[in-house]
Amino acid sequence: MKRFSVILLFIAAFAVGQFAFAGANNVAIVYKVNGSVELFKSGSKTAEPLKAATHLSDGDKIKTGKDGYAFVIFVEDKSQIKVRENSTISITANRTANGLDKQVNVDVGKLWTHVTKEGSQLRVATPTSVASVKGTMWWTIVDENGNTQIIGLEGIVRLINRITNQEGDVGQGQTGESGPDGIRIIRTVGGVPNPEGTGQRSTMRIPFTDAEGNSRVLIIEYEE
């Protein structure tokens, strides 16, 4: 698992509390890409290869191939998602008085989610379900029919079935299964997908514009 320390390098002299992307643009940064991964910018039907250091905005879609993998960091609160092979996801983001309200929509595939800041407004939505932040780390697995599995890794995840309106809490070591008939929560059995890690250390510098229009650089030091 990666361990992060975050350093803010201010190009303009403003308080640390002002750190934020303006509006719902440039809400996330692509840290790493492996294999075949496509990006559909908001409103576009034309795909382009997804590259590391790409900024993502509201409405952008990522599609991974059979060997594809993408690691994305939400810049405002450092929450992380890892998109595994044969997956299609999109990002919805809206600025509110309480911060950036973020949702990752998983059409199909596997998504690892790590919410690193208490109170973050982040949801993972599938065709049948919504997983909201009460826990900090979980897997979302969606098949071609929209049937959803939530595998709890840390904390508790609130799972809501969008068809039956049934709700349930998925804890560490539990799996929530959600489909047309509702929710079933069971003990996790078998293997859990590997989110990937190499043990390599590196640093990433992310230029961005804050809510006041000032240019800054976010430096993320990480260890896989």
Protein backbone atom coordinates (compact mmCIF):
# COMPACT_ATOMS: atom_id res chain seq x y z
CA MET A 1 0.00 0.00 0.00
CA LYS A 2 1.24 3.52 -0.75
CA ARG A 3 2.13 5.94 2.03
CA PHE A 4 1.85 9.63 1.21
CA SER A 5 3.28 12.80 2.67
CA VAL A 6 2.08 16.03 1.12
CA ILE A 7 3.99 19.30 0.79
CA LEU A 8 2.49 22.53 -0.53
CA LEU A 9 4.87 24.79 -2.44
CA PHE A 10 3.26 28.21 -2.69
CA ILE A 11 3.97 30.31 -5.76
CA ALA A 12 1.56 32.91 -4.42
CA ALA A 13 1.59 33.66 -0.67
CA PHE A 14 -1.80 32.49 0.60
CA ALA A 15 -2.85 30.48 3.65
CA VAL A 16 -2.81 26.69 3.56
CA GLY A 17 -6.56 26.64 4.11
CA GLN A 18 -7.08 28.22 0.67
CA PHE A 19 -5.81 25.09 -1.11
CA ALA A 20 -8.48 24.02 -3.62
CA PHE A 21 -9.12 23.77 -7.32
CA ALA A 22 -11.46 26.37 -8.67
CA GLY A 23 -14.96 25.18 -9.53
CA ALA A 24 -15.32 21.59 -10.72
CA ASN A 25 -12.46 21.75 -13.23
CA ASN A 26 -9.16 19.96 -12.66
CA VAL A 27 -10.52 18.06 -9.68
CA ALA A 28 -8.16 15.10 -9.97
CA ILE A 29 -4.77 14.14 -11.35
CA VAL A 30 -3.75 10.89 -13.03
CA TYR A 31 -0.71 9.65 -11.16
CA LYS A 32 0.01 6.40 -13.00
CA VAL A 33 -1.16 4.52 -16.10
CA ASN A 34 -0.30 0.99 -17.22
CA GLY A 35 -1.44 -0.87 -20.32
CA SER A 36 -4.34 0.23 -22.51
CA VAL A 37 -6.32 3.10 -20.96
CA GLU A 38 -8.54 5.58 -22.81
CA LEU A 39 -9.82 9.00 -21.76
CA PHE A 40 -13.07 10.54 -22.99
CA LYS A 41 -13.13 14.21 -22.06
CA SER A 42 -16.48 15.56 -20.88
CA GLY A 43 -18.93 15.80 -23.80
CA SER A 44 -16.60 14.05 -26.27
CA LYS A 45 -17.23 10.69 -27.95
CA THR A 46 -13.62 10.54 -29.16
CA ALA A 47 -11.11 8.62 -27.05
CA GLU A 48 -7.50 9.61 -26.48
CA PRO A 49 -4.77 7.66 -24.66
CA LEU A 50 -4.74 8.47 -20.98
CA LYS A 51 -1.35 9.67 -19.76
CA ALA A 52 0.15 10.26 -16.33
CA ALA A 53 -0.14 13.86 -15.05
CA THR A 54 -3.41 14.41 -16.94
CA HIS A 55 -5.88 16.65 -15.09
CA LEU A 56 -9.42 15.30 -14.84
CA SER A 57 -12.58 17.40 -14.63
CA ASP A 58 -16.29 16.93 -14.07
CA GLY A 59 -17.72 14.54 -16.68
CA ASP A 60 -14.46 12.91 -17.79
CA LYS A 61 -14.58 9.15 -18.44
CA ILE A 62 -11.82 6.51 -18.18
CA LYS A 63 -11.96 3.12 -19.91
CA THR A 64 -9.33 0.44 -19.29
CA GLY A 65 -8.53 -2.52 -21.55
CA LYS A 66 -7.72 -6.08 -20.55
CA ASP A 67 -4.26 -5.00 -19.35
CA GLY A 68 -5.23 -1.48 -18.28
CA TYR A 69 -4.70 0.23 -14.92
CA ALA A 70 -5.03 3.86 -13.79
CA PHE A 71 -4.27 5.46 -10.43
CA VAL A 72 -6.06 8.79 -9.80
CA ILE A 73 -5.74 11.25 -6.91
CA PHE A 74 -8.39 13.85 -6.06
CA VAL A 75 -6.32 16.92 -5.39
CA GLU A 76 -8.54 18.68 -2.86
CA ASP A 77 -8.59 15.93 -0.22
CA LYS A 78 -6.01 13.40 -1.54
CA SER A 79 -8.61 10.62 -1.86
CA GLN A 80 -7.40 7.94 -4.25
CA ILE A 81 -8.95 5.54 -6.73
CA LYS A 82 -7.36 2.72 -8.72
CA VAL A 83 -9.17 1.59 -11.86
CA ARG A 84 -8.39 -1.99 -12.79
CA GLU A 85 -8.64 -3.90 -16.08
CA ASN A 86 -11.82 -3.97 -18.24
CA SER A 87 -13.42 -1.11 -16.35
CA THR A 88 -15.36 2.00 -17.32
CA ILE A 89 -15.72 4.88 -14.84
CA SER A 90 -16.60 8.57 -14.96
CA ILE A 91 -16.22 11.45 -12.52
CA THR A 92 -18.94 13.84 -11.39
CA ALA A 93 -17.90 16.87 -9.31
CA ASN A 94 -19.84 19.87 -8.05
CA ARG A 95 -18.64 22.73 -5.87
CA THR A 96 -20.77 23.27 -2.74
CA ALA A 97 -20.49 25.43 0.35
CA ASN A 98 -18.93 22.45 2.17
CA GLY A 99 -16.32 21.70 -0.49
CA LEU A 100 -16.18 19.59 -3.62
CA ASP A 101 -18.95 16.98 -3.84
CA LYS A 102 -17.43 14.08 -5.82
CA GLN A 103 -18.92 10.91 -7.29
CA VAL A 104 -17.18 8.14 -9.22
CA ASN A 105 -19.61 6.30 -11.49
CA VAL A 106 -18.62 2.69 -12.22
CA ASP A 107 -20.44 1.27 -15.25
CA VAL A 108 -18.52 -2.00 -15.14
CA GLY A 109 -15.25 -3.33 -13.69
CA LYS A 110 -13.18 -3.01 -10.51
CA LEU A 111 -12.42 0.14 -8.53
CA TRP A 112 -10.29 0.46 -5.37
CA THR A 113 -11.16 3.52 -3.27
CA HIS A 114 -9.22 5.08 -0.39
CA VAL A 115 -10.72 8.11 1.31
CA THR A 116 -7.87 9.75 3.21
CA LYS A 117 -9.66 12.68 4.89
CA GLU A 118 -12.54 12.47 7.35
CA GLY A 119 -15.63 14.27 6.07
CA SER A 120 -14.72 13.99 2.39
CA GLN A 121 -17.70 14.16 0.07
CA LEU A 122 -17.06 11.12 -2.11
CA ARG A 123 -19.47 8.47 -3.38
CA VAL A 124 -19.06 5.50 -5.70
CA ALA A 125 -22.18 4.84 -7.81
CA THR A 126 -23.02 1.82 -9.96
CA PRO A 127 -26.13 0.99 -12.05
CA THR A 128 -27.74 -0.62 -8.98
CA SER A 129 -26.04 0.90 -5.94
CA VAL A 130 -24.34 3.81 -4.19
CA ALA A 131 -21.47 3.39 -1.70
CA SER A 132 -20.91 6.43 0.47
CA VAL A 133 -18.12 7.40 2.83
CA LYS A 134 -18.33 6.04 6.32
CA GLY A 135 -15.31 3.83 5.82
CA THR A 136 -11.94 4.65 4.39
CA MET A 137 -11.03 1.85 1.98
CA TRP A 138 -13.02 -0.56 -0.13
CA TRP A 139 -13.35 -2.34 -3.48
CA THR A 140 -16.28 -1.86 -5.86
CA ILE A 141 -16.81 -4.67 -8.37
CA VAL A 142 -19.55 -4.36 -11.02
CA ASP A 143 -20.51 -7.02 -13.58
CA GLU A 144 -22.04 -6.42 -17.02
CA ASN A 145 -25.56 -6.59 -15.56
CA GLY A 146 -24.84 -3.91 -12.98
CA ASN A 147 -24.74 -6.34 -10.05
CA THR A 148 -22.41 -4.84 -7.46
CA GLN A 149 -20.05 -6.11 -4.78
CA ILE A 150 -18.60 -3.81 -2.11
CA ILE A 151 -15.64 -5.41 -0.30
CA GLY A 152 -14.82 -3.61 2.96
CA LEU A 153 -11.10 -3.22 3.69
CA GLU A 154 -11.07 -0.53 6.42
CA GLY A 155 -13.85 1.17 8.37
CA ILE A 156 -17.51 0.96 7.34
CA VAL A 157 -19.09 1.70 3.95
CA ARG A 158 -22.77 2.65 3.69
CA LEU A 159 -24.30 0.74 0.76
CA ILE A 160 -27.62 1.86 -0.75
CA ASN A 161 -29.54 -0.15 -3.35
CA ARG A 162 -30.92 2.25 -5.95
CA ILE A 163 -33.68 -0.18 -6.99
CA THR A 164 -35.13 -1.26 -3.63
CA ASN A 165 -33.84 1.66 -1.48
CA GLN A 166 -32.50 -0.92 0.96
CA GLU A 167 -29.45 0.21 2.98
CA GLY A 168 -26.72 -1.65 4.80
CA ASP A 169 -23.30 -1.11 6.36
CA VAL A 170 -20.34 -3.10 5.01
CA GLY A 171 -17.49 -3.47 7.49
CA GLN A 172 -13.92 -4.67 7.26
CA GLY A 173 -13.84 -8.30 6.17
CA GLN A 174 -17.39 -8.13 4.80
CA THR A 175 -18.81 -8.07 1.27
CA GLY A 176 -22.05 -6.32 0.36
CA GLU A 177 -23.83 -7.81 -2.65
CA SER A 178 -26.35 -5.49 -4.30
CA GLY A 179 -28.64 -6.26 -7.24
CA PRO A 180 -32.28 -6.16 -8.38
CA ASP A 181 -33.45 -8.06 -5.28
CA GLY A 182 -31.73 -5.84 -2.73
CA ILE A 183 -28.66 -6.13 -0.49
CA ARG A 184 -27.01 -9.10 1.14
CA ILE A 185 -24.02 -8.65 3.47
CA ILE A 186 -21.76 -11.66 3.99
CA ARG A 187 -18.30 -12.47 5.27
CA THR A 188 -15.66 -11.95 2.57
CA VAL A 189 -14.37 -15.27 1.29
CA GLY A 190 -11.71 -15.99 -1.32
CA GLY A 191 -9.13 -13.59 -2.66
CA VAL A 192 -9.37 -9.81 -2.75
CA PRO A 193 -8.15 -7.98 -5.89
CA ASN A 194 -4.61 -6.58 -5.68
CA PRO A 195 -4.53 -2.75 -5.88
CA GLU A 196 -0.90 -2.96 -7.11
CA GLY A 197 2.33 -1.82 -5.49
CA THR A 198 6.03 -1.95 -6.36
CA GLY A 199 7.85 -0.53 -3.31
CA GLN A 200 9.34 2.23 -5.46
CA ARG A 201 9.74 5.78 -4.08
CA SER A 202 9.19 8.89 -6.16
CA THR A 203 7.88 12.46 -6.16
CA MET A 204 5.17 14.04 -8.29
CA ARG A 205 4.74 17.80 -8.82
CA ILE A 206 1.26 18.93 -9.82
CA PRO A 207 0.69 22.52 -11.04
CA PHE A 208 -2.79 23.86 -10.32
CA THR A 209 -4.84 27.02 -9.93
CA ASP A 210 -6.51 27.61 -6.56
CA ALA A 211 -9.96 29.04 -5.88
CA GLU A 212 -8.50 32.58 -5.94
CA GLY A 213 -6.91 32.09 -9.37
CA ASN A 214 -3.35 31.80 -8.05
CA SER A 215 -0.82 29.35 -9.52
CA ARG A 216 0.60 26.78 -7.13
CA VAL A 217 2.39 23.45 -7.18
CA LEU A 218 1.35 20.42 -5.15
CA ILE A 219 4.23 18.04 -4.36
CA ILE A 220 3.26 14.47 -3.50
CA GLU A 221 5.96 12.16 -2.15
CA TYR A 222 4.88 8.54 -2.17
CA GLU A 223 6.02 5.02 -1.52
CA GLU A 224 4.30 2.07 -3.18
